[in-house]
Amino acid sequence: MLPLIAEALLTVHALGAALGAAGVTFAEMFYTRAVVDGKIDTCEKKHILHTLWALRWGVMITVLSGVALITVEYYIPNAVQTVLTPSFWVIQTLTILVIVCGLLISRSQVPWWLGSSAAFTAWWMMLALHTWRDIPLSYMGLLLLYVILTLVVAGIFHYVRTILKDREERSRA
């Protein structure tokens, strides 16, 4: 019975990561749209509030199912211990990082470009680590991969926003 519960919790954990990845993707799209035209209208504000709902639920599901999985697998004798893999602990670390990024962004203590890129990369990396559980990298290797991907994502976001701003300015002229 406990192995089935552990597998169900792992699935719920992955669903939390999927919800967060979807939420952060839409949040980035709405933010980019607002930056390009220079204003947040009521419709965009409404959409952003919905994405925040998805992000809150994604974090909550990921945290609670992660703690439950650790507890359940502690009591399963001779079972495959998913909670002992580097990818599981990187997911937990990234969950904490998403929470910290959200707090720092909301208090304007970290630049938006860095915080949003870090959160975007974290959510998608959590989802990828759930999809490919047997990545042959250590905990530090996965964290280094995360840092590199965050810088790449920040560069891509900057490039896209610059192109869209230039296009918007040219269309107004």
Protein backbone atom coordinates (compact mmCIF):
# COMPACT_ATOMS: atom_id res chain seq x y z
CA MET A 1 0.00 0.00 0.00
CA LEU A 2 2.75 2.45 0.92
CA PRO A 3 4.58 2.04 -2.42
CA LEU A 4 1.36 3.01 -4.24
CA ILE A 5 0.98 6.02 -1.98
CA ALA A 6 4.60 6.99 -2.69
CA GLU A 7 4.02 6.75 -6.45
CA ALA A 8 0.81 8.78 -6.15
CA LEU A 9 2.63 11.45 -4.14
CA LEU A 10 5.36 11.58 -6.78
CA THR A 11 2.70 12.11 -9.43
CA VAL A 12 1.05 14.87 -7.37
CA HIS A 13 4.48 16.43 -6.88
CA ALA A 14 4.99 16.44 -10.66
CA LEU A 15 1.54 17.96 -11.17
CA GLY A 16 2.49 20.78 -8.78
CA ALA A 17 5.62 21.39 -10.87
CA ALA A 18 3.54 21.36 -14.06
CA LEU A 19 1.07 23.85 -12.60
CA GLY A 20 3.94 26.12 -11.57
CA ALA A 21 5.64 25.83 -14.97
CA ALA A 22 2.42 26.73 -16.76
CA GLY A 23 1.75 29.61 -14.38
CA VAL A 24 5.22 31.09 -14.70
CA THR A 25 5.09 30.77 -18.49
CA PHE A 26 1.84 32.73 -18.71
CA ALA A 27 3.14 35.26 -16.16
CA GLU A 28 6.19 35.88 -18.35
CA MET A 29 4.02 36.29 -21.44
CA PHE A 30 1.74 38.83 -19.71
CA TYR A 31 4.70 40.67 -18.19
CA THR A 32 6.47 40.88 -21.55
CA ARG A 33 3.30 42.16 -23.19
CA ALA A 34 2.93 44.82 -20.48
CA VAL A 35 6.58 45.88 -20.79
CA VAL A 36 6.33 46.17 -24.56
CA ASP A 37 3.30 48.45 -24.62
CA GLY A 38 4.29 50.24 -21.39
CA LYS A 39 1.06 49.67 -19.47
CA ILE A 40 -0.88 46.97 -17.66
CA ASP A 41 -4.55 47.15 -18.59
CA THR A 42 -7.35 45.59 -16.53
CA CYS A 43 -7.44 42.44 -18.64
CA GLU A 44 -3.70 41.86 -18.26
CA LYS A 45 -3.97 42.52 -14.52
CA LYS A 46 -6.74 39.92 -14.28
CA HIS A 47 -4.64 37.37 -16.17
CA ILE A 48 -1.62 38.06 -13.97
CA LEU A 49 -3.73 37.44 -10.86
CA HIS A 50 -4.81 34.08 -12.30
CA THR A 51 -1.19 33.12 -12.95
CA LEU A 52 -0.32 34.04 -9.37
CA TRP A 53 -3.06 31.67 -8.26
CA ALA A 54 -1.46 28.88 -10.32
CA LEU A 55 1.97 29.66 -8.91
CA ARG A 56 0.72 29.64 -5.29
CA TRP A 57 -1.02 26.31 -5.77
CA GLY A 58 1.98 24.89 -7.60
CA VAL A 59 4.27 25.80 -4.70
CA MET A 60 1.85 24.52 -2.09
CA ILE A 61 1.29 21.20 -3.87
CA THR A 62 5.01 20.72 -4.46
CA VAL A 63 5.97 21.47 -0.85
CA LEU A 64 3.24 19.39 0.78
CA SER A 65 3.63 16.39 -1.51
CA GLY A 66 7.43 16.54 -1.12
CA VAL A 67 7.18 16.45 2.68
CA ALA A 68 4.58 13.67 2.49
CA LEU A 69 6.78 11.67 0.11
CA ILE A 70 9.77 11.96 2.43
CA THR A 71 7.61 10.76 5.32
CA VAL A 72 6.03 7.84 3.42
CA GLU A 73 9.29 6.61 1.91
CA TYR A 74 10.89 6.67 5.35
CA TYR A 75 8.43 3.97 6.40
CA ILE A 76 8.73 1.78 3.27
CA PRO A 77 11.22 -1.00 3.97
CA ASN A 78 13.49 -2.05 1.08
CA ALA A 79 11.74 0.21 -1.42
CA VAL A 80 13.28 2.35 -4.13
CA GLN A 81 14.03 5.52 -2.26
CA THR A 82 13.19 8.32 -4.67
CA VAL A 83 13.87 10.83 -1.91
CA LEU A 84 17.54 9.82 -1.85
CA THR A 85 18.21 10.85 -5.46
CA PRO A 86 20.00 14.09 -6.34
CA SER A 87 17.19 15.13 -8.69
CA PHE A 88 14.61 14.95 -5.86
CA TRP A 89 16.72 17.20 -3.63
CA VAL A 90 17.40 19.63 -6.46
CA ILE A 91 13.62 19.86 -6.94
CA GLN A 92 13.22 20.66 -3.24
CA THR A 93 15.99 23.24 -3.43
CA LEU A 94 14.42 24.85 -6.49
CA THR A 95 11.04 24.96 -4.73
CA ILE A 96 12.62 26.94 -1.91
CA LEU A 97 14.37 29.13 -4.47
CA VAL A 98 11.05 29.88 -6.19
CA ILE A 99 9.57 30.97 -2.86
CA VAL A 100 12.58 33.17 -2.09
CA CYS A 101 12.57 34.68 -5.60
CA GLY A 102 8.89 35.51 -5.26
CA LEU A 103 9.51 37.28 -1.96
CA LEU A 104 12.54 39.17 -3.25
CA ILE A 105 10.77 40.25 -6.45
CA SER A 106 7.71 41.44 -4.52
CA ARG A 107 9.93 43.53 -2.24
CA SER A 108 12.04 44.87 -5.14
CA GLN A 109 15.19 43.40 -3.60
CA VAL A 110 16.23 41.56 -6.74
CA PRO A 111 16.06 42.87 -10.31
CA TRP A 112 13.06 41.59 -12.24
CA TRP A 113 15.18 40.16 -15.05
CA LEU A 114 17.08 37.94 -12.60
CA GLY A 115 14.18 36.92 -10.37
CA SER A 116 11.81 36.08 -13.19
CA SER A 117 14.49 34.16 -15.10
CA ALA A 118 15.43 32.23 -11.96
CA ALA A 119 11.81 31.33 -11.19
CA PHE A 120 11.01 30.44 -14.82
CA THR A 121 14.05 28.18 -15.10
CA ALA A 122 13.39 26.61 -11.69
CA TRP A 123 9.81 25.62 -12.50
CA TRP A 124 10.71 24.15 -15.88
CA MET A 125 13.75 22.35 -14.47
CA MET A 126 11.57 20.85 -11.71
CA LEU A 127 9.19 19.55 -14.36
CA ALA A 128 12.08 18.20 -16.45
CA LEU A 129 13.59 16.44 -13.43
CA HIS A 130 10.24 14.77 -12.77
CA THR A 131 10.03 13.67 -16.38
CA TRP A 132 13.60 12.34 -16.54
CA ARG A 133 14.24 11.02 -13.05
CA ASP A 134 17.45 9.18 -13.85
CA ILE A 135 19.64 12.07 -14.99
CA PRO A 136 23.21 10.96 -14.23
CA LEU A 137 24.30 14.22 -12.61
CA SER A 138 25.14 14.95 -9.00
CA TYR A 139 23.33 17.49 -6.85
CA MET A 140 25.99 20.13 -7.54
CA GLY A 141 26.04 19.25 -11.24
CA LEU A 142 22.29 19.80 -11.47
CA LEU A 143 22.55 23.09 -9.59
CA LEU A 144 25.34 24.24 -11.92
CA LEU A 145 23.13 23.29 -14.87
CA TYR A 146 20.34 25.36 -13.30
CA VAL A 147 22.60 28.43 -12.96
CA ILE A 148 23.75 28.13 -16.58
CA LEU A 149 20.18 27.69 -17.84
CA THR A 150 19.02 30.68 -15.78
CA LEU A 151 21.62 32.90 -17.45
CA VAL A 152 20.63 31.58 -20.87
CA VAL A 153 16.94 32.20 -20.15
CA ALA A 154 17.72 35.73 -18.89
CA GLY A 155 19.56 36.44 -22.15
CA ILE A 156 16.71 35.07 -24.25
CA PHE A 157 14.10 37.09 -22.32
CA HIS A 158 16.17 40.26 -22.71
CA TYR A 159 16.60 39.68 -26.43
CA VAL A 160 12.89 38.98 -26.99
CA ARG A 161 11.78 42.01 -24.96
CA THR A 162 14.24 44.26 -26.79
CA ILE A 163 13.01 43.08 -30.19
CA LEU A 164 9.36 43.48 -29.21
CA LYS A 165 9.95 46.96 -27.76
CA ASP A 166 11.73 48.06 -30.95
CA ARG A 167 8.91 46.67 -33.06
CA GLU A 168 6.32 48.48 -30.89
CA GLU A 169 8.22 51.80 -31.15
CA ARG A 170 8.48 51.46 -34.92
CA SER A 171 4.76 50.76 -35.24
CA ARG A 172 3.91 53.88 -33.23
CA ALA A 173 6.09 56.10 -35.41
